[in-house]
Amino acid sequence: MSPHGKKMIAPVIVTILFLLYLFIYGAMLTQAFVEEPLIILLAIPLVLLGIGIVYMLFARIREIRSGEEDDLDNY
């Protein structure tokens, strides 16, 4: 495994767990509410959160591959 590969494992796992949490939460919301407009209104923020977390994952992978060091690694 490349030296950058080890640094990519944690962000990928956290992203997968967060997306799994959002999916389960969304499934529970659809079971709790029967009215379609309410489900759509509550699902929009969940979808936006999912898109945001995937975007941040790709940004973090780009950082790792470019060799930028974390600020926390300096301490």
N, C-alpha and C. Protein backbone atom coordinates (compact mmCIF):
# COMPACT_ATOMS: atom_id res chain seq x y z
N MET A 1 0.85 -1.18 0.00
CA MET A 1 0.00 0.00 0.00
C MET A 1 0.89 1.24 0.00
N SER A 2 0.52 2.22 -0.78
CA SER A 2 1.31 3.44 -0.85
C SER A 2 1.25 4.20 0.47
N PRO A 3 2.20 5.09 0.70
CA PRO A 3 2.18 5.83 1.97
C PRO A 3 0.94 6.71 2.11
N HIS A 4 0.39 7.14 0.98
CA HIS A 4 -0.82 7.94 1.03
C HIS A 4 -2.07 7.09 1.26
N GLY A 5 -1.98 5.81 0.92
CA GLY A 5 -3.13 4.91 1.04
C GLY A 5 -3.62 4.75 2.47
N LYS A 6 -2.68 4.72 3.40
CA LYS A 6 -3.06 4.55 4.80
C LYS A 6 -3.82 5.77 5.32
N LYS A 7 -3.48 6.94 4.81
CA LYS A 7 -4.16 8.16 5.26
C LYS A 7 -5.56 8.28 4.67
N MET A 8 -5.83 7.54 3.60
CA MET A 8 -7.15 7.61 2.96
C MET A 8 -8.17 6.68 3.59
N ILE A 9 -7.72 5.73 4.38
CA ILE A 9 -8.64 4.73 4.93
C ILE A 9 -9.67 5.37 5.88
N ALA A 10 -9.22 6.19 6.80
CA ALA A 10 -10.12 6.78 7.81
C ALA A 10 -11.20 7.66 7.18
N PRO A 11 -10.86 8.59 6.27
CA PRO A 11 -11.93 9.40 5.68
C PRO A 11 -12.96 8.58 4.92
N VAL A 12 -12.52 7.52 4.23
CA VAL A 12 -13.45 6.68 3.48
C VAL A 12 -14.38 5.94 4.43
N ILE A 13 -13.83 5.39 5.51
CA ILE A 13 -14.66 4.66 6.47
C ILE A 13 -15.66 5.58 7.14
N VAL A 14 -15.21 6.77 7.54
CA VAL A 14 -16.12 7.72 8.18
C VAL A 14 -17.22 8.14 7.22
N THR A 15 -16.89 8.35 5.97
CA THR A 15 -17.90 8.73 4.97
C THR A 15 -18.91 7.62 4.78
N ILE A 16 -18.45 6.39 4.67
CA ILE A 16 -19.36 5.26 4.50
C ILE A 16 -20.29 5.13 5.70
N LEU A 17 -19.74 5.25 6.90
CA LEU A 17 -20.57 5.14 8.11
C LEU A 17 -21.60 6.27 8.18
N PHE A 18 -21.18 7.49 7.83
CA PHE A 18 -22.11 8.61 7.87
C PHE A 18 -23.22 8.45 6.83
N LEU A 19 -22.87 7.99 5.63
CA LEU A 19 -23.89 7.78 4.61
C LEU A 19 -24.84 6.65 5.01
N LEU A 20 -24.32 5.62 5.65
CA LEU A 20 -25.17 4.55 6.15
C LEU A 20 -26.13 5.08 7.21
N TYR A 21 -25.63 5.92 8.09
CA TYR A 21 -26.48 6.54 9.11
C TYR A 21 -27.57 7.38 8.46
N LEU A 22 -27.22 8.19 7.47
CA LEU A 22 -28.23 9.01 6.79
C LEU A 22 -29.27 8.14 6.09
N PHE A 23 -28.83 7.04 5.48
CA PHE A 23 -29.77 6.15 4.81
C PHE A 23 -30.75 5.53 5.80
N ILE A 24 -30.23 5.05 6.92
CA ILE A 24 -31.09 4.44 7.94
C ILE A 24 -32.05 5.48 8.52
N TYR A 25 -31.54 6.68 8.78
CA TYR A 25 -32.39 7.75 9.31
C TYR A 25 -33.48 8.11 8.30
N GLY A 26 -33.12 8.19 7.02
CA GLY A 26 -34.11 8.49 5.99
C GLY A 26 -35.15 7.39 5.86
N ALA A 27 -34.72 6.14 5.98
CA ALA A 27 -35.67 5.03 5.92
C ALA A 27 -36.64 5.07 7.10
N MET A 28 -36.14 5.43 8.26
CA MET A 28 -37.01 5.53 9.43
C MET A 28 -38.00 6.68 9.28
N LEU A 29 -37.55 7.78 8.66
CA LEU A 29 -38.45 8.90 8.42
C LEU A 29 -39.58 8.52 7.47
N THR A 30 -39.26 7.77 6.43
CA THR A 30 -40.29 7.39 5.47
C THR A 30 -41.30 6.43 6.11
N GLN A 31 -40.86 5.64 7.08
CA GLN A 31 -41.78 4.74 7.77
C GLN A 31 -42.67 5.52 8.75
N ALA A 32 -42.12 6.59 9.32
CA ALA A 32 -42.86 7.34 10.34
C ALA A 32 -43.90 8.28 9.72
N PHE A 33 -43.57 8.87 8.58
CA PHE A 33 -44.47 9.83 7.96
C PHE A 33 -45.06 9.24 6.69
N VAL A 34 -46.36 9.36 6.55
CA VAL A 34 -47.04 8.78 5.39
C VAL A 34 -47.23 9.83 4.30
N GLU A 35 -47.33 11.09 4.69
CA GLU A 35 -47.60 12.14 3.72
C GLU A 35 -46.36 12.42 2.87
N GLU A 36 -46.54 12.35 1.57
CA GLU A 36 -45.42 12.50 0.65
C GLU A 36 -44.76 13.88 0.71
N PRO A 37 -45.50 15.00 0.77
CA PRO A 37 -44.81 16.30 0.82
C PRO A 37 -43.91 16.44 2.06
N LEU A 38 -44.33 15.88 3.17
CA LEU A 38 -43.53 15.95 4.38
C LEU A 38 -42.27 15.11 4.25
N ILE A 39 -42.36 13.96 3.63
CA ILE A 39 -41.19 13.11 3.42
C ILE A 39 -40.18 13.83 2.53
N ILE A 40 -40.65 14.45 1.46
CA ILE A 40 -39.76 15.16 0.55
C ILE A 40 -39.11 16.33 1.26
N LEU A 41 -39.86 17.06 2.06
CA LEU A 41 -39.33 18.21 2.79
C LEU A 41 -38.25 17.78 3.78
N LEU A 42 -38.43 16.65 4.42
CA LEU A 42 -37.43 16.16 5.37
C LEU A 42 -36.25 15.46 4.69
N ALA A 43 -36.45 14.97 3.47
CA ALA A 43 -35.39 14.25 2.78
C ALA A 43 -34.39 15.20 2.11
N ILE A 44 -34.81 16.39 1.78
CA ILE A 44 -33.92 17.33 1.08
C ILE A 44 -32.66 17.62 1.90
N PRO A 45 -32.75 17.96 3.18
CA PRO A 45 -31.51 18.19 3.95
C PRO A 45 -30.63 16.94 4.05
N LEU A 46 -31.24 15.77 4.12
CA LEU A 46 -30.45 14.54 4.20
C LEU A 46 -29.67 14.30 2.91
N VAL A 47 -30.29 14.55 1.79
CA VAL A 47 -29.63 14.38 0.50
C VAL A 47 -28.50 15.40 0.36
N LEU A 48 -28.75 16.64 0.78
CA LEU A 48 -27.71 17.66 0.71
C LEU A 48 -26.53 17.33 1.62
N LEU A 49 -26.81 16.80 2.79
CA LEU A 49 -25.73 16.36 3.68
C LEU A 49 -24.92 15.24 3.05
N GLY A 50 -25.59 14.30 2.41
CA GLY A 50 -24.90 13.21 1.75
C GLY A 50 -23.99 13.70 0.63
N ILE A 51 -24.51 14.63 -0.17
CA ILE A 51 -23.70 15.20 -1.25
C ILE A 51 -22.50 15.95 -0.68
N GLY A 52 -22.73 16.68 0.39
CA GLY A 52 -21.65 17.45 1.02
C GLY A 52 -20.56 16.57 1.57
N ILE A 53 -20.92 15.49 2.22
CA ILE A 53 -19.91 14.60 2.81
C ILE A 53 -19.11 13.90 1.72
N VAL A 54 -19.74 13.53 0.61
CA VAL A 54 -19.00 12.90 -0.49
C VAL A 54 -18.07 13.92 -1.14
N TYR A 55 -18.52 15.16 -1.28
CA TYR A 55 -17.66 16.22 -1.82
C TYR A 55 -16.44 16.43 -0.94
N MET A 56 -16.64 16.45 0.38
CA MET A 56 -15.53 16.63 1.31
C MET A 56 -14.58 15.44 1.28
N LEU A 57 -15.10 14.24 1.05
CA LEU A 57 -14.24 13.07 0.91
C LEU A 57 -13.31 13.24 -0.29
N PHE A 58 -13.86 13.64 -1.43
CA PHE A 58 -13.02 13.82 -2.61
C PHE A 58 -12.01 14.95 -2.41
N ALA A 59 -12.41 16.01 -1.70
CA ALA A 59 -11.47 17.10 -1.42
C ALA A 59 -10.34 16.61 -0.52
N ARG A 60 -10.67 15.78 0.47
CA ARG A 60 -9.64 15.24 1.37
C ARG A 60 -8.71 14.29 0.62
N ILE A 61 -9.24 13.48 -0.27
CA ILE A 61 -8.39 12.59 -1.06
C ILE A 61 -7.44 13.39 -1.94
N ARG A 62 -7.95 14.48 -2.53
CA ARG A 62 -7.07 15.35 -3.33
C ARG A 62 -5.96 15.94 -2.47
N GLU A 63 -6.28 16.36 -1.25
CA GLU A 63 -5.28 16.90 -0.34
C GLU A 63 -4.21 15.86 -0.03
N ILE A 64 -4.63 14.66 0.26
CA ILE A 64 -3.69 13.60 0.61
C ILE A 64 -2.79 13.28 -0.57
N ARG A 65 -3.35 13.17 -1.75
CA ARG A 65 -2.55 12.83 -2.93
C ARG A 65 -1.58 13.94 -3.32
N SER A 66 -1.95 15.20 -3.05
CA SER A 66 -1.05 16.30 -3.41
C SER A 66 0.08 16.44 -2.40
N GLY A 67 -0.01 15.75 -1.27
CA GLY A 67 1.07 15.78 -0.30
C GLY A 67 0.93 16.85 0.75
N GLU A 68 -0.19 17.56 0.77
CA GLU A 68 -0.39 18.57 1.81
C GLU A 68 -0.49 17.87 3.15
N GLU A 69 0.23 18.37 4.10
CA GLU A 69 0.22 17.77 5.43
C GLU A 69 -0.90 18.37 6.27
N ASP A 70 -1.42 17.57 7.17
CA ASP A 70 -2.41 18.06 8.11
C ASP A 70 -1.75 19.02 9.09
N ASP A 71 -2.51 19.98 9.57
CA ASP A 71 -1.98 20.87 10.60
C ASP A 71 -1.74 20.10 11.89
N LEU A 72 -2.54 19.07 12.15
CA LEU A 72 -2.39 18.31 13.38
C LEU A 72 -1.12 17.46 13.37
N ASP A 73 -0.61 17.12 12.20
CA ASP A 73 0.61 16.32 12.13
C ASP A 73 1.84 17.13 12.59
N ASN A 74 1.71 18.45 12.63
CA ASN A 74 2.85 19.28 13.03
C ASN A 74 3.02 19.35 14.55
N TYR A 75 2.08 18.85 15.30
CA TYR A 75 2.14 18.96 16.76
C TYR A 75 2.45 17.65 17.42
